[in-house]
């Protein structure tokens, strides 16, 4: 039956750079002890005859053949757009003409 001491909890807290109170040391020791007991129970399971699995049920991917299909025409693609201009999607401007302060992005080579 695993037990974890207050000193071990304090050591873990120091390693994790956590500030814990004396009350929290007792509380965390109890909680960590429950976790360690649960892990110990899992390790006691006799599973030597159980093959390792990655899924509980057999899983098979079903792939379809790639088939070339005609794409949308320009008119069809733009028909659902909220705005179009010169055969292209019109979107709101998100960048200014001026470069960001301290940035070389958008500046001409000198």
N, C-alpha and C. Protein backbone atom coordinates (compact mmCIF):
# COMPACT_ATOMS: atom_id res chain seq x y z
N UNK A 1 0.86 -1.18 0.00
CA UNK A 1 0.00 0.00 0.00
C UNK A 1 0.90 1.24 0.00
N UNK A 2 0.92 1.96 -1.11
CA UNK A 2 1.82 3.11 -1.19
C UNK A 2 1.38 4.25 -0.28
N UNK A 3 2.34 4.86 0.31
CA UNK A 3 2.07 6.08 1.07
C UNK A 3 3.13 7.10 0.68
N UNK A 4 2.73 8.33 0.67
CA UNK A 4 3.66 9.40 0.33
C UNK A 4 3.73 10.35 1.52
N UNK A 5 4.92 10.70 1.88
CA UNK A 5 5.11 11.53 3.07
C UNK A 5 5.00 13.01 2.73
N UNK A 6 4.84 13.79 3.80
CA UNK A 6 4.80 15.25 3.63
C UNK A 6 6.11 15.75 3.05
N UNK A 7 7.22 15.14 3.47
CA UNK A 7 8.53 15.56 2.94
C UNK A 7 8.62 15.30 1.44
N UNK A 8 8.08 14.18 0.99
CA UNK A 8 8.09 13.88 -0.45
C UNK A 8 7.22 14.86 -1.22
N UNK A 9 6.07 15.22 -0.64
CA UNK A 9 5.19 16.21 -1.29
C UNK A 9 5.90 17.56 -1.34
N UNK A 10 6.56 17.93 -0.26
CA UNK A 10 7.30 19.20 -0.24
C UNK A 10 8.41 19.18 -1.28
N UNK A 11 9.09 18.04 -1.41
CA UNK A 11 10.15 17.92 -2.41
C UNK A 11 9.58 18.06 -3.82
N UNK A 12 8.46 17.39 -4.09
CA UNK A 12 7.81 17.52 -5.40
C UNK A 12 7.39 18.96 -5.67
N UNK A 13 6.87 19.62 -4.65
CA UNK A 13 6.45 21.02 -4.80
C UNK A 13 7.65 21.90 -5.13
N UNK A 14 8.79 21.65 -4.47
CA UNK A 14 9.99 22.44 -4.78
C UNK A 14 10.45 22.19 -6.21
N UNK A 15 10.42 20.93 -6.64
CA UNK A 15 10.82 20.62 -8.01
C UNK A 15 9.92 21.30 -9.03
N UNK A 16 8.62 21.39 -8.71
CA UNK A 16 7.66 22.02 -9.61
C UNK A 16 7.57 23.52 -9.40
N UNK A 17 8.39 24.03 -8.49
CA UNK A 17 8.40 25.47 -8.17
C UNK A 17 7.02 25.94 -7.71
N UNK A 18 6.38 25.12 -6.85
CA UNK A 18 5.08 25.46 -6.30
C UNK A 18 5.23 25.87 -4.84
N UNK A 19 4.57 26.93 -4.47
CA UNK A 19 4.54 27.34 -3.07
C UNK A 19 3.32 26.69 -2.43
N UNK A 20 3.54 25.85 -1.43
CA UNK A 20 2.41 25.17 -0.78
C UNK A 20 2.47 25.44 0.72
N UNK A 21 1.29 25.52 1.31
CA UNK A 21 1.18 25.74 2.75
C UNK A 21 1.26 24.39 3.47
N UNK A 22 1.36 24.45 4.80
CA UNK A 22 1.40 23.22 5.61
C UNK A 22 0.10 22.43 5.43
N UNK A 23 -1.03 23.13 5.36
CA UNK A 23 -2.32 22.46 5.16
C UNK A 23 -2.35 21.77 3.80
N UNK A 24 -1.82 22.45 2.79
CA UNK A 24 -1.81 21.87 1.45
C UNK A 24 -0.91 20.64 1.38
N UNK A 25 0.18 20.62 2.15
CA UNK A 25 1.04 19.45 2.17
C UNK A 25 0.26 18.22 2.61
N UNK A 26 -0.54 18.37 3.68
CA UNK A 26 -1.35 17.25 4.16
C UNK A 26 -2.40 16.85 3.12
N UNK A 27 -3.05 17.85 2.56
CA UNK A 27 -4.11 17.60 1.57
C UNK A 27 -3.53 16.89 0.34
N UNK A 28 -2.43 17.41 -0.19
CA UNK A 28 -1.82 16.83 -1.39
C UNK A 28 -1.26 15.45 -1.11
N UNK A 29 -0.73 15.23 0.09
CA UNK A 29 -0.21 13.91 0.43
C UNK A 29 -1.33 12.88 0.35
N UNK A 30 -2.50 13.22 0.88
CA UNK A 30 -3.65 12.31 0.81
C UNK A 30 -4.10 12.07 -0.62
N UNK A 31 -4.17 13.13 -1.41
CA UNK A 31 -4.60 12.99 -2.80
C UNK A 31 -3.60 12.18 -3.62
N UNK A 32 -2.33 12.46 -3.45
CA UNK A 32 -1.31 11.72 -4.19
C UNK A 32 -1.27 10.25 -3.76
N UNK A 33 -1.54 9.99 -2.49
CA UNK A 33 -1.58 8.62 -2.01
C UNK A 33 -2.71 7.84 -2.69
N UNK A 34 -3.86 8.46 -2.87
CA UNK A 34 -4.98 7.82 -3.56
C UNK A 34 -4.59 7.51 -5.01
N UNK A 35 -3.93 8.44 -5.65
CA UNK A 35 -3.49 8.23 -7.04
C UNK A 35 -2.50 7.07 -7.11
N UNK A 36 -1.54 7.05 -6.20
CA UNK A 36 -0.54 5.98 -6.20
C UNK A 36 -1.17 4.62 -5.92
N UNK A 37 -2.17 4.57 -5.05
CA UNK A 37 -2.88 3.32 -4.79
C UNK A 37 -3.60 2.84 -6.04
N UNK A 38 -4.21 3.76 -6.76
CA UNK A 38 -4.91 3.39 -8.00
C UNK A 38 -3.94 2.84 -9.03
N UNK A 39 -2.79 3.45 -9.16
CA UNK A 39 -1.78 2.97 -10.10
C UNK A 39 -1.29 1.60 -9.68
N UNK A 40 -1.11 1.39 -8.38
CA UNK A 40 -0.67 0.09 -7.88
C UNK A 40 -1.69 -1.00 -8.21
N UNK A 41 -2.97 -0.68 -8.12
CA UNK A 41 -4.02 -1.65 -8.46
C UNK A 41 -3.95 -2.03 -9.93
N UNK A 42 -3.71 -1.06 -10.78
CA UNK A 42 -3.63 -1.33 -12.21
C UNK A 42 -2.44 -2.23 -12.52
N UNK A 43 -1.33 -2.01 -11.85
CA UNK A 43 -0.14 -2.83 -12.12
C UNK A 43 -0.30 -4.26 -11.62
N UNK A 44 -1.24 -4.50 -10.70
CA UNK A 44 -1.48 -5.85 -10.18
C UNK A 44 -2.33 -6.70 -11.11
N UNK A 45 -2.93 -6.13 -12.11
CA UNK A 45 -3.79 -6.87 -13.02
C UNK A 45 -2.94 -7.89 -13.78
N UNK A 46 -3.42 -9.14 -13.77
CA UNK A 46 -2.71 -10.20 -14.50
C UNK A 46 -3.13 -10.12 -15.96
N UNK A 47 -2.29 -9.53 -16.77
CA UNK A 47 -2.63 -9.33 -18.17
C UNK A 47 -1.59 -9.95 -19.09
N UNK A 48 -0.88 -10.96 -18.58
CA UNK A 48 0.16 -11.58 -19.39
C UNK A 48 -0.39 -12.25 -20.64
N UNK A 49 -1.63 -12.75 -20.56
CA UNK A 49 -2.22 -13.45 -21.71
C UNK A 49 -3.03 -12.53 -22.62
N UNK A 50 -3.05 -11.23 -22.31
CA UNK A 50 -3.80 -10.27 -23.12
C UNK A 50 -2.84 -9.60 -24.08
N UNK A 51 -3.12 -9.72 -25.39
CA UNK A 51 -2.21 -9.08 -26.36
C UNK A 51 -2.32 -7.56 -26.29
N UNK A 52 -1.23 -6.87 -26.53
CA UNK A 52 -1.28 -5.40 -26.54
C UNK A 52 -2.17 -4.90 -27.68
N UNK A 53 -2.97 -3.91 -27.38
CA UNK A 53 -3.87 -3.34 -28.39
C UNK A 53 -3.81 -1.82 -28.32
N UNK A 54 -4.10 -1.21 -29.45
CA UNK A 54 -4.16 0.25 -29.47
C UNK A 54 -5.61 0.73 -29.49
N UNK A 55 -6.53 -0.17 -29.85
CA UNK A 55 -7.96 0.16 -29.89
C UNK A 55 -8.75 -0.98 -29.28
N UNK A 56 -9.87 -0.67 -28.69
CA UNK A 56 -10.70 -1.70 -28.07
C UNK A 56 -11.39 -2.57 -29.11
N UNK A 57 -11.65 -2.02 -30.27
CA UNK A 57 -12.31 -2.79 -31.34
C UNK A 57 -11.43 -2.75 -32.58
N UNK A 58 -11.54 -3.80 -33.41
CA UNK A 58 -10.74 -3.77 -34.64
C UNK A 58 -11.15 -2.57 -35.50
N UNK A 59 -10.18 -1.93 -36.06
CA UNK A 59 -10.45 -0.73 -36.84
C UNK A 59 -9.77 -0.86 -38.19
N UNK A 60 -10.56 -0.68 -39.23
CA UNK A 60 -10.02 -0.76 -40.58
C UNK A 60 -10.39 0.52 -41.31
N UNK A 61 -9.40 1.16 -41.89
CA UNK A 61 -9.67 2.36 -42.68
C UNK A 61 -10.25 1.95 -44.02
N UNK A 62 -11.25 2.67 -44.45
CA UNK A 62 -11.85 2.42 -45.75
C UNK A 62 -11.48 3.60 -46.63
N UNK A 63 -10.74 3.31 -47.67
CA UNK A 63 -10.30 4.36 -48.58
C UNK A 63 -11.08 4.27 -49.87
N UNK A 64 -11.32 5.39 -50.49
CA UNK A 64 -11.95 5.39 -51.80
C UNK A 64 -10.87 5.73 -52.82
N UNK A 65 -11.11 5.32 -54.03
CA UNK A 65 -10.18 5.65 -55.10
C UNK A 65 -10.24 7.15 -55.38
N UNK A 66 -9.08 7.73 -55.66
CA UNK A 66 -9.04 9.12 -56.06
C UNK A 66 -9.58 9.22 -57.48
N UNK A 67 -10.54 10.09 -57.65
CA UNK A 67 -11.14 10.28 -58.96
C UNK A 67 -11.04 11.75 -59.31
N UNK A 68 -10.54 12.04 -60.49
CA UNK A 68 -10.44 13.42 -60.95
C UNK A 68 -11.84 13.88 -61.34
N UNK A 69 -12.25 14.97 -60.74
CA UNK A 69 -13.57 15.53 -61.04
C UNK A 69 -13.37 16.97 -61.46
N UNK A 70 -14.26 17.47 -62.30
CA UNK A 70 -14.11 18.87 -62.71
C UNK A 70 -14.33 19.81 -61.51
N UNK A 71 -13.53 20.86 -61.46
CA UNK A 71 -13.66 21.85 -60.39
C UNK A 71 -14.70 22.89 -60.75
N UNK A 72 -14.84 23.87 -59.88
CA UNK A 72 -15.78 24.96 -60.12
C UNK A 72 -15.21 25.92 -61.16
N UNK A 73 -16.09 26.51 -61.90
CA UNK A 73 -15.67 27.59 -62.78
C UNK A 73 -15.46 28.82 -61.91
N UNK A 74 -14.81 29.83 -62.48
CA UNK A 74 -14.59 31.06 -61.72
C UNK A 74 -15.92 31.66 -61.30
N UNK A 75 -16.88 31.65 -62.19
CA UNK A 75 -18.19 32.23 -61.89
C UNK A 75 -18.88 31.45 -60.76
N UNK A 76 -18.79 30.11 -60.79
CA UNK A 76 -19.41 29.31 -59.74
C UNK A 76 -18.74 29.56 -58.39
N UNK A 77 -17.42 29.67 -58.39
CA UNK A 77 -16.69 29.90 -57.14
C UNK A 77 -17.05 31.26 -56.54
N UNK A 78 -17.17 32.27 -57.38
CA UNK A 78 -17.46 33.62 -56.89
C UNK A 78 -18.93 33.84 -56.61
N UNK A 79 -19.80 32.94 -57.06
CA UNK A 79 -21.24 33.15 -56.91
C UNK A 79 -21.67 33.20 -55.44
N UNK A 80 -20.99 32.52 -54.56
CA UNK A 80 -21.36 32.53 -53.15
C UNK A 80 -20.59 33.53 -52.33
N UNK A 81 -19.71 34.28 -52.96
CA UNK A 81 -18.88 35.24 -52.23
C UNK A 81 -19.69 36.48 -51.88
N UNK A 82 -19.46 37.05 -50.71
CA UNK A 82 -20.16 38.29 -50.36
C UNK A 82 -19.76 39.45 -51.25
N UNK A 83 -18.51 39.43 -51.75
CA UNK A 83 -18.06 40.51 -52.64
C UNK A 83 -16.99 39.96 -53.58
N UNK A 84 -17.07 40.39 -54.84
CA UNK A 84 -16.07 39.99 -55.83
C UNK A 84 -15.74 41.20 -56.68
N UNK A 85 -14.49 41.22 -57.19
CA UNK A 85 -14.06 42.34 -58.02
C UNK A 85 -13.02 41.83 -59.01
N UNK A 86 -13.20 42.14 -60.27
CA UNK A 86 -12.27 41.73 -61.33
C UNK A 86 -12.00 40.22 -61.33
N UNK A 87 -13.05 39.44 -61.07
CA UNK A 87 -12.91 37.99 -61.10
C UNK A 87 -12.20 37.41 -59.90
N UNK A 88 -12.09 38.17 -58.81
CA UNK A 88 -11.42 37.70 -57.60
C UNK A 88 -12.29 37.99 -56.38
N UNK A 89 -12.03 37.26 -55.30
CA UNK A 89 -12.73 37.54 -54.05
C UNK A 89 -12.27 38.90 -53.52
N UNK A 90 -13.22 39.72 -53.10
CA UNK A 90 -12.88 41.00 -52.48
C UNK A 90 -12.97 40.81 -50.97
N UNK A 91 -11.88 41.15 -50.30
CA UNK A 91 -11.83 40.99 -48.84
C UNK A 91 -11.43 42.32 -48.22
N UNK A 92 -11.77 42.52 -46.95
CA UNK A 92 -11.38 43.77 -46.29
C UNK A 92 -9.87 43.87 -46.16
N UNK A 93 -9.35 45.08 -46.27
CA UNK A 93 -7.91 45.34 -46.11
C UNK A 93 -7.55 45.11 -44.64
N UNK A 94 -6.45 44.41 -44.42
CA UNK A 94 -6.01 44.16 -43.05
C UNK A 94 -4.64 44.76 -42.75
N UNK A 95 -3.93 45.18 -43.77
CA UNK A 95 -2.60 45.77 -43.58
C UNK A 95 -2.60 47.21 -44.05
N UNK A 96 -1.84 48.04 -43.36
CA UNK A 96 -1.66 49.43 -43.79
C UNK A 96 -0.55 49.48 -44.83
N UNK A 97 -0.48 50.62 -45.53
CA UNK A 97 0.60 50.81 -46.49
C UNK A 97 1.93 51.07 -45.79
N UNK A 98 1.88 51.59 -44.56
CA UNK A 98 3.10 51.91 -43.84
C UNK A 98 3.58 50.69 -43.07
N UNK A 99 4.90 50.46 -43.05
CA UNK A 99 5.42 49.32 -42.28
C UNK A 99 5.28 49.56 -40.79
N UNK A 100 5.32 48.48 -40.02
CA UNK A 100 5.27 48.59 -38.57
C UNK A 100 6.53 49.28 -38.06
N UNK A 101 6.40 50.00 -36.96
CA UNK A 101 7.55 50.69 -36.38
C UNK A 101 8.62 49.67 -36.00
N UNK A 102 9.84 49.93 -36.42
CA UNK A 102 10.95 49.04 -36.10
C UNK A 102 11.02 47.80 -36.96
N UNK A 103 10.15 47.68 -37.94
CA UNK A 103 10.14 46.49 -38.79
C UNK A 103 10.68 46.83 -40.16
N UNK A 104 11.38 45.87 -40.76
CA UNK A 104 11.88 46.08 -42.12
C UNK A 104 10.92 45.50 -43.15
N UNK A 105 9.83 44.93 -42.69
CA UNK A 105 8.86 44.33 -43.61
C UNK A 105 8.22 45.44 -44.43
N UNK A 106 8.19 45.29 -45.70
CA UNK A 106 7.55 46.26 -46.58
C UNK A 106 8.45 47.40 -47.00
N UNK A 107 9.66 47.49 -46.46
CA UNK A 107 10.58 48.56 -46.84
C UNK A 107 11.39 48.14 -48.04
N UNK A 108 11.69 49.10 -48.88
CA UNK A 108 12.52 48.83 -50.06
C UNK A 108 13.95 48.56 -49.61
N UNK A 109 14.63 47.70 -50.36
CA UNK A 109 16.04 47.40 -50.08
C UNK A 109 16.84 48.69 -50.23
N UNK A 110 17.77 48.93 -49.34
CA UNK A 110 18.58 50.15 -49.41
C UNK A 110 20.01 49.83 -49.63
